[in-house]
Amino acid sequence: MKKLGKSPNYNGQEGEELRPLIEQVKQNLPEYGGNIMSYAEELRQEGLKQGMSYAEQLRREGIQQGLQEGQHEAQLEIARELLKRGMDKEEISAITHLTPSQMSELKKANIL
């Protein structure tokens, strides 16, 4: 059997990045009856599962962020309409849940 040595890294130079994986493969090889592809497929499946889990987490975070941004935009639109109708800024802040500092910033930016 050919001895596994240092594995080349992404730029072709020898590196130690894959050493733990190589050692794990060497230790588990008898369990797979010498079929290294079975072990490689198992590792690939685990990597896919982890990647899909991470992608799902990012998707959920993106949806949550979009909902929060949409809610904030709705608050701003309501505040604009109430100001146009002459309502007091403190009442608008209470209704829209915009903080007084957010109301002041909107006024400075001429959004309200």
C-alpha atoms as a PDB file:
ATOM      1  CA  MET A   1       0.000   0.000   0.000  1.00  0.00           C
ATOM      2  CA  LYS A   2       1.251   3.455  -0.909  1.00  0.00           C
ATOM      3  CA  LYS A   3       2.126   5.594   2.110  1.00  0.00           C
ATOM      4  CA  LEU A   4       0.092   8.758   2.430  1.00  0.00           C
ATOM      5  CA  GLY A   5       2.394  11.717   2.819  1.00  0.00           C
ATOM      6  CA  LYS A   6       1.845  15.430   3.001  1.00  0.00           C
ATOM      7  CA  SER A   7      -1.089  16.491   0.942  1.00  0.00           C
ATOM      8  CA  PRO A   8      -0.767  19.329  -1.550  1.00  0.00           C
ATOM      9  CA  ASN A   9      -2.730  22.407  -0.615  1.00  0.00           C
ATOM     10  CA  TYR A  10      -4.683  24.571  -3.048  1.00  0.00           C
ATOM     11  CA  ASN A  11      -1.590  26.137  -4.622  1.00  0.00           C
ATOM     12  CA  GLY A  12       0.277  22.850  -5.103  1.00  0.00           C
ATOM     13  CA  GLN A  13       2.688  23.273  -2.207  1.00  0.00           C
ATOM     14  CA  GLU A  14       2.901  20.632   0.491  1.00  0.00           C
ATOM     15  CA  GLY A  15       0.868  21.490   3.560  1.00  0.00           C
ATOM     16  CA  GLU A  16      -0.571  20.026   6.706  1.00  0.00           C
ATOM     17  CA  GLU A  17      -4.174  21.175   6.199  1.00  0.00           C
ATOM     18  CA  LEU A  18      -5.487  17.697   5.387  1.00  0.00           C
ATOM     19  CA  ARG A  19      -3.322  15.749   7.822  1.00  0.00           C
ATOM     20  CA  PRO A  20      -6.158  15.106  10.347  1.00  0.00           C
ATOM     21  CA  LEU A  21      -8.474  13.907   7.583  1.00  0.00           C
ATOM     22  CA  ILE A  22      -5.797  11.614   6.133  1.00  0.00           C
ATOM     23  CA  GLU A  23      -5.143  10.121   9.558  1.00  0.00           C
ATOM     24  CA  GLN A  24      -8.865   9.576  10.095  1.00  0.00           C
ATOM     25  CA  VAL A  25      -9.163   7.838   6.716  1.00  0.00           C
ATOM     26  CA  LYS A  26      -6.159   5.631   7.502  1.00  0.00           C
ATOM     27  CA  GLN A  27      -7.679   4.631  10.851  1.00  0.00           C
ATOM     28  CA  ASN A  28     -11.135   3.882   9.427  1.00  0.00           C
ATOM     29  CA  LEU A  29     -10.016   2.163   6.237  1.00  0.00           C
ATOM     30  CA  PRO A  30     -10.371  -1.379   7.655  1.00  0.00           C
ATOM     31  CA  GLU A  31     -13.936  -0.575   8.722  1.00  0.00           C
ATOM     32  CA  TYR A  32     -14.785   0.112   5.086  1.00  0.00           C
ATOM     33  CA  GLY A  33     -13.043  -3.006   3.795  1.00  0.00           C
ATOM     34  CA  GLY A  34     -10.502  -0.979   1.883  1.00  0.00           C
ATOM     35  CA  ASN A  35     -13.206   0.924   0.046  1.00  0.00           C
ATOM     36  CA  ILE A  36     -12.018   4.485   0.493  1.00  0.00           C
ATOM     37  CA  MET A  37     -14.750   5.770  -1.831  1.00  0.00           C
ATOM     38  CA  SER A  38     -17.454   4.712   0.653  1.00  0.00           C
ATOM     39  CA  TYR A  39     -15.775   6.783   3.323  1.00  0.00           C
ATOM     40  CA  ALA A  40     -15.274   9.687   0.936  1.00  0.00           C
ATOM     41  CA  GLU A  41     -18.962   9.562  -0.010  1.00  0.00           C
ATOM     42  CA  GLU A  42     -19.929   9.588   3.678  1.00  0.00           C
ATOM     43  CA  LEU A  43     -17.744  12.644   4.238  1.00  0.00           C
ATOM     44  CA  ARG A  44     -19.212  14.321   1.154  1.00  0.00           C
ATOM     45  CA  GLN A  45     -22.767  13.678   2.387  1.00  0.00           C
ATOM     46  CA  GLU A  46     -21.921  15.118   5.811  1.00  0.00           C
ATOM     47  CA  GLY A  47     -20.436  18.199   4.144  1.00  0.00           C
ATOM     48  CA  LEU A  48     -23.556  18.625   2.018  1.00  0.00           C
ATOM     49  CA  LYS A  49     -25.790  18.312   5.074  1.00  0.00           C
ATOM     50  CA  GLN A  50     -23.786  20.943   6.953  1.00  0.00           C
ATOM     51  CA  GLY A  51     -23.784  23.252   3.937  1.00  0.00           C
ATOM     52  CA  MET A  52     -27.536  22.930   3.491  1.00  0.00           C
ATOM     53  CA  SER A  53     -28.101  23.593   7.190  1.00  0.00           C
ATOM     54  CA  TYR A  54     -25.992  26.754   6.976  1.00  0.00           C
ATOM     55  CA  ALA A  55     -27.827  27.880   3.825  1.00  0.00           C
ATOM     56  CA  GLU A  56     -31.182  27.389   5.578  1.00  0.00           C
ATOM     57  CA  GLN A  57     -29.969  29.449   8.541  1.00  0.00           C
ATOM     58  CA  LEU A  58     -28.895  32.262   6.181  1.00  0.00           C
ATOM     59  CA  ARG A  59     -32.246  32.097   4.384  1.00  0.00           C
ATOM     60  CA  ARG A  60     -34.143  32.438   7.674  1.00  0.00           C
ATOM     61  CA  GLU A  61     -31.956  35.353   8.773  1.00  0.00           C
ATOM     62  CA  GLY A  62     -32.516  37.046   5.410  1.00  0.00           C
ATOM     63  CA  ILE A  63     -36.282  36.664   5.691  1.00  0.00           C
ATOM     64  CA  GLN A  64     -36.220  38.037   9.235  1.00  0.00           C
ATOM     65  CA  GLN A  65     -34.127  41.019   8.180  1.00  0.00           C
ATOM     66  CA  GLY A  66     -36.459  41.716   5.256  1.00  0.00           C
ATOM     67  CA  LEU A  67     -39.505  41.602   7.506  1.00  0.00           C
ATOM     68  CA  GLN A  68     -37.889  43.993   9.987  1.00  0.00           C
ATOM     69  CA  GLU A  69     -36.924  46.424   7.223  1.00  0.00           C
ATOM     70  CA  GLY A  70     -40.451  46.250   5.781  1.00  0.00           C
ATOM     71  CA  GLN A  71     -41.979  46.920   9.174  1.00  0.00           C
ATOM     72  CA  HIS A  72     -39.685  49.928   9.685  1.00  0.00           C
ATOM     73  CA  GLU A  73     -40.631  51.314   6.267  1.00  0.00           C
ATOM     74  CA  ALA A  74     -44.313  50.937   7.182  1.00  0.00           C
ATOM     75  CA  GLN A  75     -43.695  52.839  10.425  1.00  0.00           C
ATOM     76  CA  LEU A  76     -42.042  55.643   8.463  1.00  0.00           C
ATOM     77  CA  GLU A  77     -44.903  55.806   5.953  1.00  0.00           C
ATOM     78  CA  ILE A  78     -47.480  55.981   8.729  1.00  0.00           C
ATOM     79  CA  ALA A  79     -45.468  58.719  10.468  1.00  0.00           C
ATOM     80  CA  ARG A  80     -45.341  60.745   7.221  1.00  0.00           C
ATOM     81  CA  GLU A  81     -49.106  60.505   6.758  1.00  0.00           C
ATOM     82  CA  LEU A  82     -49.869  61.434  10.341  1.00  0.00           C
ATOM     83  CA  LEU A  83     -47.524  64.431  10.180  1.00  0.00           C
ATOM     84  CA  LYS A  84     -49.192  65.592   6.956  1.00  0.00           C
ATOM     85  CA  ARG A  85     -52.502  65.511   8.821  1.00  0.00           C
ATOM     86  CA  GLY A  86     -51.055  67.692  11.575  1.00  0.00           C
ATOM     87  CA  MET A  87     -50.749  65.139  14.370  1.00  0.00           C
ATOM     88  CA  ASP A  88     -48.374  65.844  17.249  1.00  0.00           C
ATOM     89  CA  LYS A  89     -44.905  64.246  16.954  1.00  0.00           C
ATOM     90  CA  GLU A  90     -45.143  62.647  20.402  1.00  0.00           C
ATOM     91  CA  GLU A  91     -48.426  60.990  19.480  1.00  0.00           C
ATOM     92  CA  ILE A  92     -46.918  59.797  16.207  1.00  0.00           C
ATOM     93  CA  SER A  93     -43.963  58.362  18.090  1.00  0.00           C
ATOM     94  CA  ALA A  94     -46.329  56.514  20.444  1.00  0.00           C
ATOM     95  CA  ILE A  95     -48.413  55.135  17.558  1.00  0.00           C
ATOM     96  CA  THR A  96     -45.553  54.122  15.270  1.00  0.00           C
ATOM     97  CA  HIS A  97     -43.116  53.069  18.010  1.00  0.00           C
ATOM     98  CA  LEU A  98     -40.471  55.305  16.435  1.00  0.00           C
ATOM     99  CA  THR A  99     -38.199  56.738  19.077  1.00  0.00           C
ATOM    100  CA  PRO A 100     -37.970  60.508  19.523  1.00  0.00           C
ATOM    101  CA  SER A 101     -34.400  60.338  18.202  1.00  0.00           C
ATOM    102  CA  GLN A 102     -35.613  58.506  15.070  1.00  0.00           C
ATOM    103  CA  MET A 103     -38.280  61.169  14.612  1.00  0.00           C
ATOM    104  CA  SER A 104     -35.634  63.906  14.967  1.00  0.00           C
ATOM    105  CA  GLU A 105     -33.339  62.184  12.467  1.00  0.00           C
ATOM    106  CA  LEU A 106     -36.192  61.890   9.969  1.00  0.00           C
ATOM    107  CA  LYS A 107     -36.987  65.569  10.392  1.00  0.00           C
ATOM    108  CA  LYS A 108     -33.314  66.506   9.811  1.00  0.00           C
ATOM    109  CA  ALA A 109     -33.264  64.352   6.668  1.00  0.00           C
ATOM    110  CA  ASN A 110     -36.498  66.022   5.493  1.00  0.00           C
ATOM    111  CA  ILE A 111     -38.173  62.633   5.250  1.00  0.00           C
ATOM    112  CA  LEU A 112     -41.040  63.757   7.446  1.00  0.00           C
END
